[in-house]
Structure formats: C-alpha cells, structure tokens
Amino acid sequence: MKNYKRAVIEFEKVFTFPGTDKDDDAQLKLGHCHRSMGNIDKALEEYQRLIDYFPGSEFFAKARESIKQINIR
C-alpha cells in the first residue's frame, strides 16, 4: 500500500530548495497524491497551482488533463 501522506510531506519539501528544477514535477505529484487519497478539492488546487505558476512546464498538459478527468465525474 502506498503511503500518500508521507509522499505529500516529501514532495512539499522540494519547494524549500532554492533553484530546484523539480518544483513543477513535485506540484503535479502532490495533485496525484491528494487525488489518490480522495482529497479531490485539494488535488484540483494543486493541479491549478501548477498551471498558474509553471505555464511552461512539461507537466502543464498533464495537470490540465487531470483537472478535466476530475471534472467529468
């Protein structure tokens, strides 16, 4: 069984490292973790944050698709 709560803590640590190039990846994975835990509103918030703060990210389309999938349900 995956430990999503622990993963959230670890992904949030990424934002404390100045100059990292992994923050957009961590942002997407935070959304995935919250979605997997059933925290849909928080997942949507995390995906939207990626879209707002990292518009040039390689993960931009994945975040938009994740939002779309959630909103279809």
N, C-alpha and C. Protein backbone atom coordinates (compact mmCIF):
# COMPACT_ATOMS: atom_id res chain seq x y z
N MET A 1 0.85 -1.18 0.00
CA MET A 1 0.00 0.00 0.00
C MET A 1 0.89 1.25 0.00
N LYS A 2 0.51 2.19 -0.79
CA LYS A 2 1.31 3.41 -0.90
C LYS A 2 0.99 4.34 0.26
N ASN A 3 2.02 5.04 0.71
CA ASN A 3 1.87 5.98 1.81
C ASN A 3 1.81 7.39 1.24
N TYR A 4 0.61 7.79 0.84
CA TYR A 4 0.44 9.09 0.19
C TYR A 4 0.68 10.25 1.15
N LYS A 5 0.31 10.08 2.41
CA LYS A 5 0.53 11.17 3.37
C LYS A 5 2.02 11.48 3.50
N ARG A 6 2.82 10.44 3.56
CA ARG A 6 4.27 10.62 3.66
C ARG A 6 4.81 11.24 2.36
N ALA A 7 4.27 10.79 1.24
CA ALA A 7 4.71 11.34 -0.04
C ALA A 7 4.41 12.83 -0.14
N VAL A 8 3.25 13.25 0.35
CA VAL A 8 2.90 14.67 0.34
C VAL A 8 3.94 15.47 1.11
N ILE A 9 4.32 14.98 2.27
CA ILE A 9 5.33 15.66 3.09
C ILE A 9 6.64 15.79 2.33
N GLU A 10 7.04 14.71 1.68
CA GLU A 10 8.31 14.72 0.95
C GLU A 10 8.25 15.64 -0.27
N PHE A 11 7.15 15.61 -1.01
CA PHE A 11 7.03 16.49 -2.19
C PHE A 11 6.99 17.95 -1.78
N GLU A 12 6.38 18.26 -0.65
CA GLU A 12 6.34 19.65 -0.18
C GLU A 12 7.73 20.16 0.19
N LYS A 13 8.63 19.28 0.58
CA LYS A 13 10.00 19.67 0.91
C LYS A 13 10.74 20.23 -0.31
N VAL A 14 10.36 19.78 -1.49
CA VAL A 14 11.03 20.22 -2.72
C VAL A 14 10.99 21.74 -2.84
N PHE A 15 9.89 22.35 -2.39
CA PHE A 15 9.73 23.80 -2.52
C PHE A 15 10.64 24.59 -1.59
N THR A 16 11.31 23.92 -0.67
CA THR A 16 12.22 24.61 0.25
C THR A 16 13.64 24.69 -0.30
N PHE A 17 13.89 24.03 -1.43
CA PHE A 17 15.22 24.05 -2.03
C PHE A 17 15.30 25.14 -3.09
N PRO A 18 16.06 26.20 -2.82
CA PRO A 18 16.17 27.29 -3.79
C PRO A 18 16.79 26.81 -5.10
N GLY A 19 16.24 27.27 -6.20
CA GLY A 19 16.81 26.97 -7.50
C GLY A 19 16.56 25.58 -8.03
N THR A 20 15.70 24.82 -7.37
CA THR A 20 15.44 23.47 -7.86
C THR A 20 14.66 23.53 -9.17
N ASP A 21 14.87 22.52 -9.99
CA ASP A 21 14.10 22.44 -11.24
C ASP A 21 13.06 21.33 -11.15
N LYS A 22 12.79 20.89 -9.94
CA LYS A 22 11.84 19.79 -9.72
C LYS A 22 10.52 20.26 -9.13
N ASP A 23 10.35 21.57 -8.96
CA ASP A 23 9.15 22.04 -8.28
C ASP A 23 7.87 21.79 -9.08
N ASP A 24 7.93 21.87 -10.40
CA ASP A 24 6.73 21.59 -11.19
C ASP A 24 6.36 20.11 -11.13
N ASP A 25 7.37 19.26 -11.14
CA ASP A 25 7.15 17.81 -11.02
C ASP A 25 6.52 17.49 -9.65
N ALA A 26 7.07 18.09 -8.61
CA ALA A 26 6.54 17.88 -7.26
C ALA A 26 5.10 18.38 -7.16
N GLN A 27 4.82 19.50 -7.82
CA GLN A 27 3.46 20.06 -7.80
C GLN A 27 2.46 19.08 -8.42
N LEU A 28 2.81 18.50 -9.54
CA LEU A 28 1.94 17.52 -10.19
C LEU A 28 1.74 16.30 -9.29
N LYS A 29 2.82 15.83 -8.70
CA LYS A 29 2.73 14.64 -7.85
C LYS A 29 1.93 14.91 -6.58
N LEU A 30 1.98 16.14 -6.08
CA LEU A 30 1.13 16.50 -4.94
C LEU A 30 -0.34 16.35 -5.34
N GLY A 31 -0.67 16.81 -6.52
CA GLY A 31 -2.04 16.66 -7.01
C GLY A 31 -2.44 15.19 -7.10
N HIS A 32 -1.54 14.37 -7.63
CA HIS A 32 -1.83 12.94 -7.75
C HIS A 32 -2.02 12.29 -6.38
N CYS A 33 -1.18 12.65 -5.43
CA CYS A 33 -1.31 12.08 -4.08
C CYS A 33 -2.65 12.44 -3.46
N HIS A 34 -3.00 13.71 -3.52
CA HIS A 34 -4.27 14.14 -2.93
C HIS A 34 -5.45 13.46 -3.63
N ARG A 35 -5.35 13.32 -4.92
CA ARG A 35 -6.42 12.63 -5.67
C ARG A 35 -6.54 11.18 -5.22
N SER A 36 -5.42 10.52 -5.05
CA SER A 36 -5.42 9.12 -4.62
C SER A 36 -5.95 8.95 -3.21
N MET A 37 -5.78 9.98 -2.38
CA MET A 37 -6.30 9.93 -1.01
C MET A 37 -7.77 10.33 -0.93
N GLY A 38 -8.33 10.75 -2.07
CA GLY A 38 -9.72 11.16 -2.09
C GLY A 38 -9.95 12.62 -1.76
N ASN A 39 -8.87 13.39 -1.65
CA ASN A 39 -8.96 14.83 -1.38
C ASN A 39 -9.06 15.58 -2.70
N ILE A 40 -10.21 15.48 -3.33
CA ILE A 40 -10.38 15.99 -4.68
C ILE A 40 -10.21 17.51 -4.76
N ASP A 41 -10.78 18.24 -3.82
CA ASP A 41 -10.63 19.70 -3.85
C ASP A 41 -9.17 20.11 -3.74
N LYS A 42 -8.43 19.44 -2.88
CA LYS A 42 -7.00 19.74 -2.71
C LYS A 42 -6.23 19.35 -3.97
N ALA A 43 -6.59 18.23 -4.58
CA ALA A 43 -5.94 17.80 -5.82
C ALA A 43 -6.15 18.85 -6.90
N LEU A 44 -7.38 19.32 -7.04
CA LEU A 44 -7.67 20.36 -8.03
C LEU A 44 -6.85 21.62 -7.76
N GLU A 45 -6.73 21.97 -6.50
CA GLU A 45 -5.93 23.14 -6.11
C GLU A 45 -4.47 22.98 -6.52
N GLU A 46 -3.92 21.80 -6.29
CA GLU A 46 -2.51 21.54 -6.63
C GLU A 46 -2.30 21.56 -8.14
N TYR A 47 -3.21 20.93 -8.89
CA TYR A 47 -3.09 20.95 -10.35
C TYR A 47 -3.20 22.38 -10.88
N GLN A 48 -4.13 23.14 -10.34
CA GLN A 48 -4.30 24.52 -10.79
C GLN A 48 -3.08 25.37 -10.45
N ARG A 49 -2.47 25.10 -9.32
CA ARG A 49 -1.25 25.83 -8.94
C ARG A 49 -0.15 25.57 -9.96
N LEU A 50 -0.02 24.33 -10.43
CA LEU A 50 0.98 24.03 -11.45
C LEU A 50 0.69 24.85 -12.72
N ILE A 51 -0.56 24.88 -13.12
CA ILE A 51 -0.95 25.63 -14.32
C ILE A 51 -0.66 27.12 -14.15
N ASP A 52 -0.96 27.66 -12.98
CA ASP A 52 -0.77 29.09 -12.73
C ASP A 52 0.70 29.50 -12.62
N TYR A 53 1.48 28.68 -11.93
CA TYR A 53 2.86 29.07 -11.63
C TYR A 53 3.91 28.50 -12.58
N PHE A 54 3.54 27.47 -13.33
CA PHE A 54 4.51 26.83 -14.22
C PHE A 54 3.92 26.64 -15.62
N PRO A 55 3.50 27.73 -16.27
CA PRO A 55 2.84 27.58 -17.58
C PRO A 55 3.72 26.97 -18.67
N GLY A 56 5.02 27.02 -18.50
CA GLY A 56 5.92 26.44 -19.49
C GLY A 56 6.37 25.03 -19.15
N SER A 57 5.79 24.46 -18.12
CA SER A 57 6.21 23.15 -17.63
C SER A 57 5.85 22.03 -18.60
N GLU A 58 6.70 21.04 -18.63
CA GLU A 58 6.39 19.84 -19.40
C GLU A 58 5.20 19.08 -18.80
N PHE A 59 4.83 19.42 -17.56
CA PHE A 59 3.72 18.75 -16.87
C PHE A 59 2.41 19.54 -16.96
N PHE A 60 2.45 20.67 -17.66
CA PHE A 60 1.27 21.54 -17.80
C PHE A 60 0.08 20.77 -18.36
N ALA A 61 0.29 20.06 -19.46
CA ALA A 61 -0.80 19.32 -20.12
C ALA A 61 -1.34 18.22 -19.21
N LYS A 62 -0.47 17.58 -18.45
CA LYS A 62 -0.92 16.52 -17.54
C LYS A 62 -1.80 17.10 -16.44
N ALA A 63 -1.44 18.28 -15.95
CA ALA A 63 -2.26 18.93 -14.92
C ALA A 63 -3.63 19.29 -15.48
N ARG A 64 -3.65 19.86 -16.67
CA ARG A 64 -4.94 20.20 -17.30
C ARG A 64 -5.79 18.96 -17.54
N GLU A 65 -5.17 17.89 -17.99
CA GLU A 65 -5.90 16.65 -18.23
C GLU A 65 -6.44 16.07 -16.93
N SER A 66 -5.66 16.15 -15.87
CA SER A 66 -6.11 15.66 -14.57
C SER A 66 -7.33 16.44 -14.08
N ILE A 67 -7.30 17.75 -14.25
CA ILE A 67 -8.45 18.58 -13.88
C ILE A 67 -9.67 18.19 -14.71
N LYS A 68 -9.45 18.00 -15.99
CA LYS A 68 -10.54 17.62 -16.89
C LYS A 68 -11.16 16.29 -16.46
N GLN A 69 -10.32 15.30 -16.16
CA GLN A 69 -10.82 13.99 -15.74
C GLN A 69 -11.63 14.09 -14.45
N ILE A 70 -11.17 14.89 -13.51
CA ILE A 70 -11.89 15.05 -12.25
C ILE A 70 -13.24 15.72 -12.50
N ASN A 71 -13.26 16.73 -13.34
CA ASN A 71 -14.50 17.47 -13.59
C ASN A 71 -15.52 16.69 -14.39
N ILE A 72 -15.09 15.67 -15.12
CA ILE A 72 -16.01 14.83 -15.88
C ILE A 72 -16.85 13.97 -14.94
N ARG A 73 -16.30 13.60 -13.81
CA ARG A 73 -17.00 12.70 -12.88
C ARG A 73 -18.15 13.36 -12.22
